[in-house]
Amino acid sequence: METIEEEFIKVINGVDVNKLQATIDAINKDPDLASFTFRTVTEWVDGARNKTLVERQTAKGEKGEPFVLVSDEPELLMGGGTAPNSIALVLQALASCLSVSMVYHAAAREMQIDKLTISIDGDIDLHGFLGLSSEVRPGFQDIRVEVDVQSPAPREEIEELLRYAQKVSPVVDSLRNRIPVEISLR
């Protein structure tokens, strides 16, 4: 007698929880699956404009067509104002990574999120970037993140989810902790 197995697709917050669990199980069985190298190549276009090719990772480890990101500077900084600048893209990366961390882990906990909005402000002093002061960092002096979550879950569970998402977010970790950056001339 044949047995028919039904696979139920369980989607919470747009996340296929079965696939998420299968990924976790696969990495637990073969820890080498967790190691990735992300690669980008940026070409200067002109003025403050750059084009970045982001290598696309596929499920089978093959390389697909790259994503293309463009950047520019605002007119205030002699750019054309045609695209976000690099520092704005850092804030976008932070918000996006924190969002994914929250949504995936909420799904794993079977916590429904109806709406998630992340607002970020970051302060920069141009004295550092323009080389006018060696006492001022060229990067962010301060970043403030406000997360607005609409969910039927109790506030305490949402607060715990936010704390956990901060612990596991690669971009939050990269911004909060020193990482070695090697720059060489070819």
Protein backbone atom coordinates (compact mmCIF):
# COMPACT_ATOMS: atom_id res chain seq x y z
CA MET A 1 0.00 0.00 0.00
CA GLU A 2 1.35 3.40 -0.97
CA THR A 3 1.62 6.15 1.57
CA ILE A 4 1.05 9.68 0.44
CA GLU A 5 2.86 12.28 2.44
CA GLU A 6 1.49 15.77 2.36
CA GLU A 7 3.95 18.56 2.83
CA PHE A 8 2.31 21.52 4.42
CA ILE A 9 3.84 24.84 3.54
CA LYS A 10 4.02 26.98 6.62
CA VAL A 11 4.54 30.64 5.80
CA ILE A 12 4.77 33.23 8.57
CA ASN A 13 5.65 36.86 7.77
CA GLY A 14 6.37 35.82 4.17
CA VAL A 15 9.00 33.32 5.37
CA ASP A 16 8.73 29.63 4.48
CA VAL A 17 9.37 28.24 7.96
CA ASN A 18 9.94 24.70 6.64
CA LYS A 19 12.73 25.93 4.33
CA LEU A 20 14.19 27.99 7.16
CA GLN A 21 14.23 24.93 9.41
CA ALA A 22 15.68 22.79 6.61
CA THR A 23 18.50 25.33 6.19
CA ILE A 24 19.19 25.28 9.93
CA ASP A 25 19.18 21.47 9.95
CA ALA A 26 21.53 21.30 6.93
CA ILE A 27 24.00 23.70 8.56
CA ASN A 28 23.86 21.76 11.82
CA LYS A 29 24.74 18.58 9.88
CA ASP A 30 27.45 20.26 7.77
CA PRO A 31 28.83 23.41 9.44
CA ASP A 32 30.88 24.26 6.32
CA LEU A 33 27.62 25.22 4.59
CA ALA A 34 27.46 28.29 6.85
CA SER A 35 30.62 29.90 5.45
CA PHE A 36 30.10 32.45 2.69
CA THR A 37 32.22 35.03 0.95
CA PHE A 38 30.28 37.96 -0.44
CA ARG A 39 31.95 39.83 -3.28
CA THR A 40 31.45 43.21 -4.87
CA VAL A 41 33.33 45.09 -7.56
CA THR A 42 32.91 48.86 -7.73
CA GLU A 43 33.77 50.94 -10.78
CA TRP A 44 34.06 54.70 -10.64
CA VAL A 45 31.80 56.33 -13.27
CA ASP A 46 32.63 60.03 -12.89
CA GLY A 47 32.56 62.71 -10.22
CA ALA A 48 31.03 61.08 -7.17
CA ARG A 49 29.14 58.39 -9.11
CA ASN A 50 30.04 54.72 -8.76
CA LYS A 51 28.55 51.48 -10.04
CA THR A 52 28.86 48.34 -7.91
CA LEU A 53 28.32 44.80 -9.13
CA VAL A 54 27.20 42.51 -6.33
CA GLU A 55 27.85 38.85 -7.01
CA ARG A 56 24.58 36.91 -6.90
CA GLN A 57 24.57 33.74 -4.79
CA THR A 58 22.24 30.96 -5.94
CA ALA A 59 20.82 28.09 -3.94
CA LYS A 60 23.22 25.64 -5.59
CA GLY A 61 26.29 27.80 -5.01
CA GLU A 62 26.39 28.87 -8.66
CA LYS A 63 26.92 32.46 -9.67
CA GLY A 64 24.05 34.27 -11.36
CA GLU A 65 23.90 37.67 -13.01
CA PRO A 66 25.12 40.33 -10.57
CA PHE A 67 22.95 42.91 -8.93
CA VAL A 68 23.91 46.48 -9.81
CA LEU A 69 23.94 49.25 -7.22
CA VAL A 70 24.72 52.86 -7.98
CA SER A 71 25.87 55.57 -5.63
CA ASP A 72 26.39 59.31 -5.85
CA GLU A 73 26.78 62.19 -3.43
CA PRO A 74 24.27 64.92 -2.74
CA GLU A 75 24.75 68.20 -4.58
CA LEU A 76 25.98 69.74 -1.30
CA LEU A 77 29.03 67.47 -1.61
CA MET A 78 29.60 68.16 -5.32
CA GLY A 79 27.66 65.12 -6.48
CA GLY A 80 24.76 64.94 -8.85
CA GLY A 81 22.27 63.74 -6.24
CA THR A 82 21.22 60.92 -8.59
CA ALA A 83 21.53 58.03 -6.11
CA PRO A 84 22.11 57.41 -2.41
CA ASN A 85 25.63 58.00 -1.16
CA SER A 86 27.71 55.30 0.50
CA ILE A 87 26.92 56.40 4.04
CA ALA A 88 23.16 56.31 3.34
CA LEU A 89 23.64 52.79 1.96
CA VAL A 90 25.24 51.81 5.28
CA LEU A 91 22.03 52.93 7.04
CA GLN A 92 19.93 51.05 4.48
CA ALA A 93 22.03 47.91 5.03
CA LEU A 94 21.59 48.25 8.79
CA ALA A 95 17.81 48.63 8.53
CA SER A 96 17.44 45.83 5.99
CA CYS A 97 19.56 43.37 7.96
CA LEU A 98 17.82 44.16 11.24
CA SER A 99 14.46 43.75 9.50
CA VAL A 100 15.38 40.34 8.06
CA SER A 101 16.79 39.23 11.42
CA MET A 102 13.56 40.19 13.16
CA VAL A 103 11.20 38.72 10.55
CA TYR A 104 13.03 35.38 10.19
CA HIS A 105 13.33 34.84 13.93
CA ALA A 106 9.74 35.93 14.50
CA ALA A 107 8.65 33.35 11.90
CA ALA A 108 10.73 30.67 13.61
CA ARG A 109 8.94 31.58 16.86
CA GLU A 110 5.57 31.57 15.05
CA MET A 111 5.19 35.26 15.92
CA GLN A 112 3.13 37.19 13.42
CA ILE A 113 4.35 40.64 12.36
CA ASP A 114 1.75 42.79 10.64
CA LYS A 115 4.01 45.77 9.95
CA LEU A 116 7.66 46.60 10.60
CA THR A 117 9.18 50.03 10.04
CA ILE A 118 12.76 50.95 10.91
CA SER A 119 13.77 54.62 11.00
CA ILE A 120 17.43 55.53 11.34
CA ASP A 121 19.29 58.80 11.86
CA GLY A 122 23.07 58.94 11.66
CA ASP A 123 25.26 61.94 12.47
CA ILE A 124 28.40 62.76 10.48
CA ASP A 125 30.80 65.67 10.85
CA LEU A 126 32.36 66.51 7.46
CA HIS A 127 35.52 67.84 9.15
CA GLY A 128 36.78 64.23 9.22
CA PHE A 129 35.92 63.33 5.61
CA LEU A 130 37.27 66.58 4.21
CA GLY A 131 40.52 66.22 6.19
CA LEU A 132 39.90 69.46 8.08
CA SER A 133 40.36 67.86 11.49
CA SER A 134 42.28 64.78 12.56
CA GLU A 135 40.27 64.81 15.78
CA VAL A 136 36.93 64.10 14.08
CA ARG A 137 36.07 60.64 12.79
CA PRO A 138 35.14 60.60 9.10
CA GLY A 139 32.42 58.03 9.82
CA PHE A 140 29.26 58.14 11.87
CA GLN A 141 29.57 59.73 15.29
CA ASP A 142 26.20 58.37 16.37
CA ILE A 143 23.41 56.22 14.92
CA ARG A 144 19.89 56.13 16.34
CA VAL A 145 17.51 53.34 15.31
CA GLU A 146 13.78 53.33 16.01
CA VAL A 147 11.85 50.14 15.34
CA ASP A 148 8.07 50.19 15.04
CA VAL A 149 6.50 46.73 15.12
CA GLN A 150 2.82 46.03 14.79
CA SER A 151 2.04 42.53 15.98
CA PRO A 152 -0.56 40.71 18.06
CA ALA A 153 2.34 39.37 20.18
CA PRO A 154 2.81 40.82 23.68
CA ARG A 155 5.23 43.76 23.91
CA GLU A 156 7.63 41.72 26.08
CA GLU A 157 7.99 39.11 23.31
CA ILE A 158 8.58 41.85 20.71
CA GLU A 159 11.23 43.46 22.96
CA GLU A 160 12.95 40.07 23.36
CA LEU A 161 12.80 39.54 19.58
CA LEU A 162 14.43 42.94 19.00
CA ARG A 163 17.20 42.17 21.51
CA TYR A 164 17.81 38.80 19.85
CA ALA A 165 17.75 40.26 16.31
CA GLN A 166 20.47 42.72 17.35
CA LYS A 167 22.61 39.81 18.60
CA VAL A 168 22.34 37.84 15.34
CA SER A 169 22.27 40.63 12.73
CA PRO A 170 25.52 40.57 10.71
CA VAL A 171 25.34 44.29 9.94
CA VAL A 172 24.61 45.30 13.54
CA ASP A 173 27.57 43.15 14.58
CA SER A 174 29.80 44.65 11.86
CA LEU A 175 28.98 48.21 12.95
CA ARG A 176 29.29 47.58 16.68
CA ASN A 177 32.49 45.54 16.61
CA ARG A 178 35.85 46.18 15.06
CA ILE A 179 36.49 44.08 11.98
CA PRO A 180 39.82 43.88 10.19
CA VAL A 181 39.78 45.71 6.86
CA GLU A 182 42.77 45.15 4.59
CA ILE A 183 43.19 47.58 1.70
CA SER A 184 45.91 47.09 -0.91
CA LEU A 185 46.88 48.64 -4.21
CA ARG A 186 46.99 46.32 -7.20
